[in-house]
PDB file of all heavy atoms in Angstrom:
ATOM      1  N   GLN A   1     122.166 -18.848 183.977  1.00  0.00           N
ATOM      2  CA  GLN A   1     123.536 -19.199 183.624  1.00  0.00           C
ATOM      3  C   GLN A   1     124.251 -18.021 182.972  1.00  0.00           C
ATOM      4  O   GLN A   1     125.464 -17.844 183.141  1.00  0.00           O
ATOM      5  CB  GLN A   1     123.544 -20.399 182.664  1.00  0.00           C
ATOM      6  CG  GLN A   1     123.021 -21.686 183.271  1.00  0.00           C
ATOM      7  CD  GLN A   1     123.839 -22.155 184.440  1.00  0.00           C
ATOM      8  OE1 GLN A   1     125.055 -22.348 184.326  1.00  0.00           O
ATOM      9  NE2 GLN A   1     123.206 -22.326 185.597  1.00  0.00           N
ATOM     10  N   LEU A   2     123.478 -17.219 182.258  1.00  0.00           N
ATOM     11  CA  LEU A   2     124.048 -16.057 181.572  1.00  0.00           C
ATOM     12  C   LEU A   2     124.386 -14.941 182.561  1.00  0.00           C
ATOM     13  O   LEU A   2     125.421 -14.267 182.428  1.00  0.00           O
ATOM     14  CB  LEU A   2     123.064 -15.546 180.518  1.00  0.00           C
ATOM     15  CG  LEU A   2     123.558 -14.445 179.567  1.00  0.00           C
ATOM     16  CD1 LEU A   2     124.698 -14.976 178.707  1.00  0.00           C
ATOM     17  CD2 LEU A   2     122.413 -13.971 178.672  1.00  0.00           C
ATOM     18  N   VAL A   3     123.518 -14.735 183.563  1.00  0.00           N
ATOM     19  CA  VAL A   3     123.732 -13.684 184.573  1.00  0.00           C
ATOM     20  C   VAL A   3     123.618 -14.325 185.960  1.00  0.00           C
ATOM     21  O   VAL A   3     122.608 -14.149 186.652  1.00  0.00           O
ATOM     22  CB  VAL A   3     122.707 -12.536 184.413  1.00  0.00           C
ATOM     23  CG1 VAL A   3     123.128 -11.328 185.251  1.00  0.00           C
ATOM     24  CG2 VAL A   3     122.515 -12.145 182.961  1.00  0.00           C
ATOM     25  N   PRO A   4     124.613 -15.063 186.404  1.00  0.00           N
ATOM     26  CA  PRO A   4     124.507 -15.793 187.682  1.00  0.00           C
ATOM     27  C   PRO A   4     124.374 -14.882 188.904  1.00  0.00           C
ATOM     28  O   PRO A   4     123.763 -15.277 189.902  1.00  0.00           O
ATOM     29  CB  PRO A   4     125.810 -16.602 187.733  1.00  0.00           C
ATOM     30  CG  PRO A   4     126.749 -15.895 186.799  1.00  0.00           C
ATOM     31  CD  PRO A   4     125.888 -15.318 185.716  1.00  0.00           C
ATOM     32  N   ASP A   5     124.927 -13.666 188.857  1.00  0.00           N
ATOM     33  CA  ASP A   5     124.839 -12.755 190.000  1.00  0.00           C
ATOM     34  C   ASP A   5     123.411 -12.311 190.285  1.00  0.00           C
ATOM     35  O   ASP A   5     123.090 -11.928 191.415  1.00  0.00           O
ATOM     36  CB  ASP A   5     125.711 -11.515 189.760  1.00  0.00           C
ATOM     37  CG  ASP A   5     127.199 -11.856 189.753  1.00  0.00           C
ATOM     38  OD1 ASP A   5     127.558 -12.923 190.294  1.00  0.00           O
ATOM     39  OD2 ASP A   5     127.996 -11.064 189.193  1.00  0.00           O
ATOM     40  N   ALA A   6     122.546 -12.346 189.274  1.00  0.00           N
ATOM     41  CA  ALA A   6     121.156 -11.904 189.437  1.00  0.00           C
ATOM     42  C   ALA A   6     120.208 -13.086 189.575  1.00  0.00           C
ATOM     43  O   ALA A   6     118.995 -12.899 189.579  1.00  0.00           O
ATOM     44  CB  ALA A   6     120.738 -11.038 188.250  1.00  0.00           C
ATOM     45  N   ALA A   7     120.750 -14.300 189.718  1.00  0.00           N
ATOM     46  CA  ALA A   7     119.916 -15.503 189.688  1.00  0.00           C
ATOM     47  C   ALA A   7     118.889 -15.531 190.812  1.00  0.00           C
ATOM     48  O   ALA A   7     117.706 -15.791 190.575  1.00  0.00           O
ATOM     49  CB  ALA A   7     120.801 -16.749 189.750  1.00  0.00           C
ATOM     50  N   ASP A   8     119.319 -15.270 192.066  1.00  0.00           N
ATOM     51  CA  ASP A   8     118.395 -15.374 193.202  1.00  0.00           C
ATOM     52  C   ASP A   8     117.239 -14.392 193.086  1.00  0.00           C
ATOM     53  O   ASP A   8     116.068 -14.755 193.298  1.00  0.00           O
ATOM     54  CB  ASP A   8     119.152 -15.125 194.513  1.00  0.00           C
ATOM     55  CG  ASP A   8     120.038 -16.310 194.892  1.00  0.00           C
ATOM     56  OD1 ASP A   8     119.780 -17.412 194.369  1.00  0.00           O
ATOM     57  OD2 ASP A   8     120.971 -16.115 195.689  1.00  0.00           O
ATOM     58  N   GLU A   9     117.540 -13.135 192.763  1.00  0.00           N
ATOM     59  CA  GLU A   9     116.481 -12.137 192.632  1.00  0.00           C
ATOM     60  C   GLU A   9     115.584 -12.451 191.440  1.00  0.00           C
ATOM     61  O   GLU A   9     114.364 -12.278 191.500  1.00  0.00           O
ATOM     62  CB  GLU A   9     117.087 -10.747 192.478  1.00  0.00           C
ATOM     63  CG  GLU A   9     116.053  -9.624 192.473  1.00  0.00           C
ATOM     64  CD  GLU A   9     116.679  -8.246 192.408  1.00  0.00           C
ATOM     65  OE1 GLU A   9     117.923  -8.149 192.467  1.00  0.00           O
ATOM     66  OE2 GLU A   9     115.916  -7.267 192.287  1.00  0.00           O
ATOM     67  N   PHE A  10     116.181 -12.926 190.367  1.00  0.00           N
ATOM     68  CA  PHE A  10     115.407 -13.256 189.167  1.00  0.00           C
ATOM     69  C   PHE A  10     114.465 -14.428 189.425  1.00  0.00           C
ATOM     70  O   PHE A  10     113.289 -14.389 189.053  1.00  0.00           O
ATOM     71  CB  PHE A  10     116.364 -13.586 188.016  1.00  0.00           C
ATOM     72  CG  PHE A  10     115.689 -14.030 186.750  1.00  0.00           C
ATOM     73  CD1 PHE A  10     114.826 -13.185 186.062  1.00  0.00           C
ATOM     74  CD2 PHE A  10     115.917 -15.295 186.227  1.00  0.00           C
ATOM     75  CE1 PHE A  10     114.197 -13.603 184.891  1.00  0.00           C
ATOM     76  CE2 PHE A  10     115.301 -15.705 185.069  1.00  0.00           C
ATOM     77  CZ  PHE A  10     114.440 -14.858 184.403  1.00  0.00           C
ATOM     78  N   LEU A  11     114.961 -15.471 190.097  1.00  0.00           N
ATOM     79  CA  LEU A  11     114.125 -16.632 190.396  1.00  0.00           C
ATOM     80  C   LEU A  11     112.961 -16.267 191.304  1.00  0.00           C
ATOM     81  O   LEU A  11     111.886 -16.862 191.218  1.00  0.00           O
ATOM     82  CB  LEU A  11     114.968 -17.736 191.044  1.00  0.00           C
ATOM     83  CG  LEU A  11     115.974 -18.443 190.125  1.00  0.00           C
ATOM     84  CD1 LEU A  11     116.863 -19.366 190.926  1.00  0.00           C
ATOM     85  CD2 LEU A  11     115.257 -19.215 189.026  1.00  0.00           C
ATOM     86  N   GLY A  12     113.171 -15.280 192.180  1.00  0.00           N
ATOM     87  CA  GLY A  12     112.100 -14.841 193.062  1.00  0.00           C
ATOM     88  C   GLY A  12     111.070 -13.966 192.376  1.00  0.00           C
ATOM     89  O   GLY A  12     110.014 -13.686 192.962  1.00  0.00           O
ATOM     90  N   SER A  13     111.351 -13.553 191.146  1.00  0.00           N
ATOM     91  CA  SER A  13     110.439 -12.665 190.414  1.00  0.00           C
ATOM     92  C   SER A  13     109.699 -13.365 189.284  1.00  0.00           C
ATOM     93  O   SER A  13     108.801 -12.788 188.678  1.00  0.00           O
ATOM     94  CB  SER A  13     111.224 -11.470 189.820  1.00  0.00           C
ATOM     95  OG  SER A  13     111.921 -10.765 190.822  1.00  0.00           O
ATOM     96  N   VAL A  14     110.085 -14.607 188.987  1.00  0.00           N
ATOM     97  CA  VAL A  14     109.485 -15.338 187.867  1.00  0.00           C
ATOM     98  C   VAL A  14     108.655 -16.500 188.398  1.00  0.00           C
ATOM     99  O   VAL A  14     109.132 -17.298 189.211  1.00  0.00           O
ATOM    100  CB  VAL A  14     110.572 -15.873 186.906  1.00  0.00           C
ATOM    101  CG1 VAL A  14     109.945 -16.702 185.801  1.00  0.00           C
ATOM    102  CG2 VAL A  14     111.356 -14.721 186.310  1.00  0.00           C
ATOM    103  N   ASP A  15     107.429 -16.582 187.947  1.00  0.00           N
ATOM    104  CA  ASP A  15     106.573 -17.721 188.291  1.00  0.00           C
ATOM    105  C   ASP A  15     106.812 -18.845 187.296  1.00  0.00           C
ATOM    106  O   ASP A  15     106.659 -18.664 186.087  1.00  0.00           O
ATOM    107  CB  ASP A  15     105.094 -17.312 188.270  1.00  0.00           C
ATOM    108  CG  ASP A  15     104.754 -16.347 189.393  1.00  0.00           C
ATOM    109  OD1 ASP A  15     105.183 -16.597 190.529  1.00  0.00           O
ATOM    110  OD2 ASP A  15     104.071 -15.345 189.123  1.00  0.00           O
ATOM    111  N   GLN A  16     107.205 -19.993 187.817  1.00  0.00           N
ATOM    112  CA  GLN A  16     107.449 -21.158 186.983  1.00  0.00           C
ATOM    113  C   GLN A  16     106.426 -22.249 187.291  1.00  0.00           C
ATOM    114  O   GLN A  16     105.843 -22.262 188.382  1.00  0.00           O
ATOM    115  CB  GLN A  16     108.855 -21.713 187.228  1.00  0.00           C
ATOM    116  CG  GLN A  16     109.972 -20.735 186.960  1.00  0.00           C
ATOM    117  CD  GLN A  16     111.325 -21.399 187.104  1.00  0.00           C
ATOM    118  OE1 GLN A  16     111.666 -22.334 186.365  1.00  0.00           O
ATOM    119  NE2 GLN A  16     112.113 -20.946 188.060  1.00  0.00           N
ATOM    120  N   PRO A  17     106.194 -23.157 186.360  1.00  0.00           N
ATOM    121  CA  PRO A  17     105.299 -24.287 186.640  1.00  0.00           C
ATOM    122  C   PRO A  17     105.734 -25.021 187.902  1.00  0.00           C
ATOM    123  O   PRO A  17     106.919 -25.265 188.124  1.00  0.00           O
ATOM    124  CB  PRO A  17     105.440 -25.171 185.393  1.00  0.00           C
ATOM    125  CG  PRO A  17     105.826 -24.219 184.307  1.00  0.00           C
ATOM    126  CD  PRO A  17     106.694 -23.188 184.972  1.00  0.00           C
ATOM    127  N   LEU A  18     104.783 -25.354 188.733  1.00  0.00           N
ATOM    128  CA  LEU A  18     105.073 -25.983 190.024  1.00  0.00           C
ATOM    129  C   LEU A  18     105.551 -27.418 189.838  1.00  0.00           C
ATOM    130  O   LEU A  18     105.069 -28.139 188.965  1.00  0.00           O
ATOM    131  CB  LEU A  18     103.826 -25.949 190.907  1.00  0.00           C
ATOM    132  CG  LEU A  18     103.262 -24.547 191.194  1.00  0.00           C
ATOM    133  CD1 LEU A  18     101.883 -24.653 191.844  1.00  0.00           C
ATOM    134  CD2 LEU A  18     104.211 -23.763 192.083  1.00  0.00           C
ATOM    135  N   LYS A  19     106.485 -27.818 190.686  1.00  0.00           N
ATOM    136  CA  LYS A  19     106.992 -29.192 190.667  1.00  0.00           C
ATOM    137  C   LYS A  19     106.441 -29.947 191.877  1.00  0.00           C
ATOM    138  O   LYS A  19     106.145 -29.361 192.914  1.00  0.00           O
ATOM    139  CB  LYS A  19     108.513 -29.191 190.703  1.00  0.00           C
ATOM    140  CG  LYS A  19     109.178 -28.576 189.482  1.00  0.00           C
ATOM    141  CD  LYS A  19     108.937 -29.427 188.256  1.00  0.00           C
ATOM    142  CE  LYS A  19     109.719 -28.916 187.056  1.00  0.00           C
ATOM    143  NZ  LYS A  19     111.181 -29.000 187.240  1.00  0.00           N
ATOM    144  N   THR A  20     106.342 -31.245 191.734  1.00  0.00           N
ATOM    145  CA  THR A  20     105.821 -32.104 192.800  1.00  0.00           C
ATOM    146  C   THR A  20     106.934 -32.945 193.404  1.00  0.00           C
ATOM    147  O   THR A  20     107.764 -33.502 192.678  1.00  0.00           O
ATOM    148  CB  THR A  20     104.723 -33.029 192.255  1.00  0.00           C
ATOM    149  OG1 THR A  20     103.690 -32.256 191.655  1.00  0.00           O
ATOM    150  CG2 THR A  20     104.107 -33.854 193.370  1.00  0.00           C
ATOM    151  N   LYS A  21     106.962 -32.991 194.751  1.00  0.00           N
ATOM    152  CA  LYS A  21     107.898 -33.858 195.462  1.00  0.00           C
ATOM    153  C   LYS A  21     107.122 -34.740 196.439  1.00  0.00           C
ATOM    154  O   LYS A  21     105.988 -34.425 196.792  1.00  0.00           O
ATOM    155  CB  LYS A  21     108.948 -33.031 196.230  1.00  0.00           C
ATOM    156  CG  LYS A  21     110.021 -32.409 195.349  1.00  0.00           C
ATOM    157  CD  LYS A  21     111.002 -31.617 196.179  1.00  0.00           C
ATOM    158  CE  LYS A  21     111.893 -32.510 197.018  1.00  0.00           C
ATOM    159  NZ  LYS A  21     112.875 -33.257 196.198  1.00  0.00           N
ATOM    160  N   MET A  22     107.748 -35.814 196.852  1.00  0.00           N
ATOM    161  CA  MET A  22     107.135 -36.734 197.807  1.00  0.00           C
ATOM    162  C   MET A  22     107.779 -36.559 199.182  1.00  0.00           C
ATOM    163  O   MET A  22     109.000 -36.581 199.305  1.00  0.00           O
ATOM    164  CB  MET A  22     107.300 -38.180 197.336  1.00  0.00           C
ATOM    165  CG  MET A  22     106.684 -39.208 198.260  1.00  0.00           C
ATOM    166  SD  MET A  22     104.879 -39.100 198.303  1.00  0.00           S
ATOM    167  CE  MET A  22     104.499 -39.720 196.642  1.00  0.00           C
ATOM    168  N   ASP A  23     106.929 -36.333 200.181  1.00  0.00           N
ATOM    169  CA  ASP A  23     107.411 -36.250 201.554  1.00  0.00           C
ATOM    170  C   ASP A  23     107.709 -37.673 202.040  1.00  0.00           C
ATOM    171  O   ASP A  23     106.800 -38.487 202.201  1.00  0.00           O
ATOM    172  CB  ASP A  23     106.353 -35.588 202.438  1.00  0.00           C
ATOM    173  CG  ASP A  23     106.856 -35.317 203.850  1.00  0.00           C
ATOM    174  OD1 ASP A  23     107.654 -36.117 204.359  1.00  0.00           O
ATOM    175  OD2 ASP A  23     106.427 -34.311 204.442  1.00  0.00           O
ATOM    176  N   LYS A  24     108.971 -37.959 202.277  1.00  0.00           N
ATOM    177  CA  LYS A  24     109.371 -39.315 202.643  1.00  0.00           C
ATOM    178  C   LYS A  24     108.849 -39.703 204.021  1.00  0.00           C
ATOM    179  O   LYS A  24     108.606 -40.889 204.294  1.00  0.00           O
ATOM    180  CB  LYS A  24     110.891 -39.437 202.608  1.00  0.00           C
ATOM    181  CG  LYS A  24     111.489 -39.185 201.230  1.00  0.00           C
ATOM    182  CD  LYS A  24     113.008 -39.212 201.269  1.00  0.00           C
ATOM    183  CE  LYS A  24     113.587 -38.901 199.882  1.00  0.00           C
ATOM    184  NZ  LYS A  24     115.071 -38.857 199.910  1.00  0.00           N
ATOM    185  N   ALA A  25     108.649 -38.711 204.895  1.00  0.00           N
ATOM    186  CA  ALA A  25     108.207 -39.002 206.253  1.00  0.00           C
ATOM    187  C   ALA A  25     106.726 -39.355 206.313  1.00  0.00           C
ATOM    188  O   ALA A  25     106.313 -40.187 207.127  1.00  0.00           O
ATOM    189  CB  ALA A  25     108.496 -37.819 207.166  1.00  0.00           C
ATOM    190  N   THR A  26     105.912 -38.736 205.455  1.00  0.00           N
ATOM    191  CA  THR A  26     104.466 -38.949 205.496  1.00  0.00           C
ATOM    192  C   THR A  26     103.930 -39.684 204.274  1.00  0.00           C
ATOM    193  O   THR A  26     102.797 -40.158 204.288  1.00  0.00           O
ATOM    194  CB  THR A  26     103.738 -37.602 205.609  1.00  0.00           C
ATOM    195  OG1 THR A  26     103.999 -36.815 204.436  1.00  0.00           O
ATOM    196  CG2 THR A  26     104.192 -36.831 206.835  1.00  0.00           C
ATOM    197  N   GLY A  27     104.721 -39.742 203.198  1.00  0.00           N
ATOM    198  CA  GLY A  27     104.260 -40.394 201.981  1.00  0.00           C
ATOM    199  C   GLY A  27     103.263 -39.562 201.200  1.00  0.00           C
ATOM    200  O   GLY A  27     102.561 -40.095 200.333  1.00  0.00           O
ATOM    201  N   ARG A  28     103.209 -38.249 201.464  1.00  0.00           N
ATOM    202  CA  ARG A  28     102.262 -37.372 200.774  1.00  0.00           C
ATOM    203  C   ARG A  28     103.010 -36.443 199.822  1.00  0.00           C
ATOM    204  O   ARG A  28     104.140 -36.012 200.093  1.00  0.00           O
ATOM    205  CB  ARG A  28     101.450 -36.548 201.777  1.00  0.00           C
ATOM    206  CG  ARG A  28     100.628 -37.386 202.733  1.00  0.00           C
ATOM    207  CD  ARG A  28      99.750 -36.534 203.626  1.00  0.00           C
ATOM    208  NE  ARG A  28      98.714 -35.819 202.863  1.00  0.00           N
ATOM    209  CZ  ARG A  28      97.756 -35.083 203.416  1.00  0.00           C
ATOM    210  NH1 ARG A  28      97.705 -34.963 204.747  1.00  0.00           N
ATOM    211  NH2 ARG A  28      96.847 -34.484 202.676  1.00  0.00           N
ATOM    212  N   GLU A  29     102.360 -36.119 198.718  1.00  0.00           N
ATOM    213  CA  GLU A  29     102.954 -35.226 197.746  1.00  0.00           C
ATOM    214  C   GLU A  29     102.791 -33.770 198.184  1.00  0.00           C
ATOM    215  O   GLU A  29     101.821 -33.414 198.842  1.00  0.00           O
ATOM    216  CB  GLU A  29     102.299 -35.422 196.371  1.00  0.00           C
ATOM    217  CG  GLU A  29     102.655 -36.718 195.680  1.00  0.00           C
ATOM    218  CD  GLU A  29     102.057 -36.809 194.296  1.00  0.00           C
ATOM    219  OE1 GLU A  29     100.877 -36.434 194.136  1.00  0.00           O
ATOM    220  OE2 GLU A  29     102.764 -37.246 193.374  1.00  0.00           O
ATOM    221  N   TYR A  30     103.738 -32.938 197.774  1.00  0.00           N
ATOM    222  CA  TYR A  30     103.630 -31.503 198.003  1.00  0.00           C
ATOM    223  C   TYR A  30     104.279 -30.757 196.843  1.00  0.00           C
ATOM    224  O   TYR A  30     104.996 -31.357 196.032  1.00  0.00           O
ATOM    225  CB  TYR A  30     104.263 -31.101 199.336  1.00  0.00           C
ATOM    226  CG  TYR A  30     105.768 -31.306 199.427  1.00  0.00           C
ATOM    227  CD1 TYR A  30     106.650 -30.251 199.186  1.00  0.00           C
ATOM    228  CD2 TYR A  30     106.301 -32.548 199.768  1.00  0.00           C
ATOM    229  CE1 TYR A  30     108.027 -30.434 199.276  1.00  0.00           C
ATOM    230  CE2 TYR A  30     107.668 -32.730 199.868  1.00  0.00           C
ATOM    231  CZ  TYR A  30     108.534 -31.669 199.623  1.00  0.00           C
ATOM    232  OH  TYR A  30     109.893 -31.855 199.706  1.00  0.00           O
ATOM    233  N   LEU A  31     103.997 -29.482 196.746  1.00  0.00           N
ATOM    234  CA  LEU A  31     104.473 -28.667 195.644  1.00  0.00           C
ATOM    235  C   LEU A  31     105.676 -27.833 196.056  1.00  0.00           C
ATOM    236  O   LEU A  31     105.802 -27.430 197.220  1.00  0.00           O
ATOM    237  CB  LEU A  31     103.356 -27.752 195.148  1.00  0.00           C
ATOM    238  CG  LEU A  31     102.129 -28.483 194.586  1.00  0.00           C
ATOM    239  CD1 LEU A  31     100.979 -27.523 194.344  1.00  0.00           C
ATOM    240  CD2 LEU A  31     102.487 -29.227 193.298  1.00  0.00           C
ATOM    241  N   THR A  32     106.556 -27.574 195.104  1.00  0.00           N
ATOM    242  CA  THR A  32     107.757 -26.800 195.381  1.00  0.00           C
ATOM    243  C   THR A  32     107.771 -25.533 194.547  1.00  0.00           C
ATOM    244  O   THR A  32     107.311 -25.505 193.405  1.00  0.00           O
ATOM    245  CB  THR A  32     109.031 -27.612 195.078  1.00  0.00           C
ATOM    246  OG1 THR A  32     109.081 -27.903 193.669  1.00  0.00           O
ATOM    247  CG2 THR A  32     109.028 -28.917 195.858  1.00  0.00           C
ATOM    248  N   CYS A  33     108.285 -24.487 195.155  1.00  0.00           N
ATOM    249  CA  CYS A  33     108.448 -23.210 194.466  1.00  0.00           C
ATOM    250  C   CYS A  33     109.510 -22.432 195.237  1.00  0.00           C
ATOM    251  O   CYS A  33     110.141 -22.939 196.172  1.00  0.00           O
ATOM    252  CB  CYS A  33     107.129 -22.441 194.395  1.00  0.00           C
ATOM    253  SG  CYS A  33     106.539 -21.884 196.008  1.00  0.00           S
ATOM    254  N   ASP A  34     109.711 -21.179 194.882  1.00  0.00           N
ATOM    255  CA  ASP A  34     110.745 -20.388 195.527  1.00  0.00           C
ATOM    256  C   ASP A  34     110.398 -20.079 196.984  1.00  0.00           C
ATOM    257  O   ASP A  34     111.287 -19.765 197.781  1.00  0.00           O
ATOM    258  CB  ASP A  34     110.949 -19.080 194.750  1.00  0.00           C
ATOM    259  CG  ASP A  34     112.240 -18.382 195.124  1.00  0.00           C
ATOM    260  OD1 ASP A  34     113.310 -18.990 194.959  1.00  0.00           O
ATOM    261  OD2 ASP A  34     112.180 -17.231 195.608  1.00  0.00           O
ATOM    262  N   TYR A  35     109.119 -20.173 197.349  1.00  0.00           N
ATOM    263  CA  TYR A  35     108.691 -19.792 198.693  1.00  0.00           C
ATOM    264  C   TYR A  35     108.956 -20.868 199.746  1.00  0.00           C
ATOM    265  O   TYR A  35     108.935 -20.571 200.937  1.00  0.00           O
ATOM    266  CB  TYR A  35     107.201 -19.427 198.686  1.00  0.00           C
ATOM    267  CG  TYR A  35     106.909 -18.197 197.854  1.00  0.00           C
ATOM    268  CD1 TYR A  35     106.393 -18.315 196.567  1.00  0.00           C
ATOM    269  CD2 TYR A  35     107.161 -16.922 198.349  1.00  0.00           C
ATOM    270  CE1 TYR A  35     106.135 -17.194 195.793  1.00  0.00           C
ATOM    271  CE2 TYR A  35     106.904 -15.792 197.586  1.00  0.00           C
ATOM    272  CZ  TYR A  35     106.392 -15.936 196.303  1.00  0.00           C
ATOM    273  OH  TYR A  35     106.148 -14.812 195.528  1.00  0.00           O
ATOM    274  N   ASN A  36     109.161 -22.092 199.350  1.00  0.00           N
ATOM    275  CA  ASN A  36     109.522 -23.127 200.323  1.00  0.00           C
ATOM    276  C   ASN A  36     110.901 -23.704 200.030  1.00  0.00           C
ATOM    277  O   ASN A  36     111.235 -24.804 200.453  1.00  0.00           O
ATOM    278  CB  ASN A  36     108.475 -24.243 200.372  1.00  0.00           C
ATOM    279  CG  ASN A  36     108.414 -25.064 199.091  1.00  0.00           C
ATOM    280  OD1 ASN A  36     108.526 -24.529 197.991  1.00  0.00           O
ATOM    281  ND2 ASN A  36     108.196 -26.366 199.226  1.00  0.00           N
ATOM    282  N   ARG A  37     111.708 -22.913 199.328  1.00  0.00           N
ATOM    283  CA  ARG A  37     113.080 -23.322 198.979  1.00  0.00           C
ATOM    284  C   ARG A  37     114.077 -22.628 199.891  1.00  0.00           C
ATOM    285  O   ARG A  37     113.949 -21.442 200.201  1.00  0.00           O
ATOM    286  CB  ARG A  37     113.380 -22.981 197.522  1.00  0.00           C
ATOM    287  CG  ARG A  37     114.801 -23.337 197.075  1.00  0.00           C
ATOM    288  CD  ARG A  37     114.996 -23.040 195.598  1.00  0.00           C
ATOM    289  NE  ARG A  37     114.937 -21.619 195.328  1.00  0.00           N
ATOM    290  CZ  ARG A  37     115.991 -20.802 195.375  1.00  0.00           C
ATOM    291  NH1 ARG A  37     117.185 -21.272 195.687  1.00  0.00           N
ATOM    292  NH2 ARG A  37     115.858 -19.516 195.101  1.00  0.00           N
ATOM    293  N   ASP A  38     115.064 -23.348 200.318  1.00  0.00           N
ATOM    294  CA  ASP A  38     116.199 -22.801 201.058  1.00  0.00           C
ATOM    295  C   ASP A  38     117.449 -23.456 200.488  1.00  0.00           C
ATOM    296  O   ASP A  38     117.716 -24.632 200.752  1.00  0.00           O
ATOM    297  CB  ASP A  38     116.066 -23.081 202.554  1.00  0.00           C
ATOM    298  CG  ASP A  38     117.024 -22.228 203.383  1.00  0.00           C
ATOM    299  OD1 ASP A  38     118.068 -21.811 202.844  1.00  0.00           O
ATOM    300  OD2 ASP A  38     116.720 -21.976 204.570  1.00  0.00           O
ATOM    301  N   GLY A  39     118.170 -22.715 199.683  1.00  0.00           N
ATOM    302  CA  GLY A  39     119.297 -23.305 198.965  1.00  0.00           C
ATOM    303  C   GLY A  39     118.785 -24.279 197.921  1.00  0.00           C
ATOM    304  O   GLY A  39     117.975 -23.931 197.063  1.00  0.00           O
ATOM    305  N   ASP A  40     119.211 -25.520 198.022  1.00  0.00           N
ATOM    306  CA  ASP A  40     118.756 -26.565 197.092  1.00  0.00           C
ATOM    307  C   ASP A  40     117.740 -27.488 197.743  1.00  0.00           C
ATOM    308  O   ASP A  40     117.398 -28.535 197.186  1.00  0.00           O
ATOM    309  CB  ASP A  40     119.948 -27.396 196.600  1.00  0.00           C
ATOM    310  CG  ASP A  40     120.921 -26.556 195.766  1.00  0.00           C
ATOM    311  OD1 ASP A  40     120.447 -25.657 195.060  1.00  0.00           O
ATOM    312  OD2 ASP A  40     122.138 -26.801 195.848  1.00  0.00           O
ATOM    313  N   SER A  41     117.242 -27.117 198.923  1.00  0.00           N
ATOM    314  CA  SER A  41     116.291 -27.954 199.656  1.00  0.00           C
ATOM    315  C   SER A  41     114.916 -27.323 199.667  1.00  0.00           C
ATOM    316  O   SER A  41     114.773 -26.097 199.581  1.00  0.00           O
ATOM    317  CB  SER A  41     116.768 -28.172 201.101  1.00  0.00           C
ATOM    318  OG  SER A  41     118.023 -28.816 201.127  1.00  0.00           O
ATOM    319  N   TYR A  42     113.890 -28.181 199.777  1.00  0.00           N
ATOM    320  CA  TYR A  42     112.501 -27.720 199.814  1.00  0.00           C
ATOM    321  C   TYR A  42     111.817 -28.259 201.064  1.00  0.00           C
ATOM    322  O   TYR A  42     111.985 -29.426 201.415  1.00  0.00           O
ATOM    323  CB  TYR A  42     111.748 -28.181 198.566  1.00  0.00           C
ATOM    324  CG  TYR A  42     112.237 -27.526 197.288  1.00  0.00           C
ATOM    325  CD1 TYR A  42     113.230 -28.127 196.519  1.00  0.00           C
ATOM    326  CD2 TYR A  42     111.715 -26.303 196.873  1.00  0.00           C
ATOM    327  CE1 TYR A  42     113.689 -27.520 195.348  1.00  0.00           C
ATOM    328  CE2 TYR A  42     112.166 -25.704 195.705  1.00  0.00           C
ATOM    329  CZ  TYR A  42     113.159 -26.306 194.958  1.00  0.00           C
ATOM    330  OH  TYR A  42     113.615 -25.707 193.823  1.00  0.00           O
TER     331      TYR A  42
END
């Protein structure tokens, strides 16, 4: 929020605790991070 222009590069350089989402099509859980993110979607 402080430096929004550097947000994308910064997020790609910082390891954050993994989040869990549910795949609605299969009913299985999966993990989210910057590597399976495209915009606001995973």
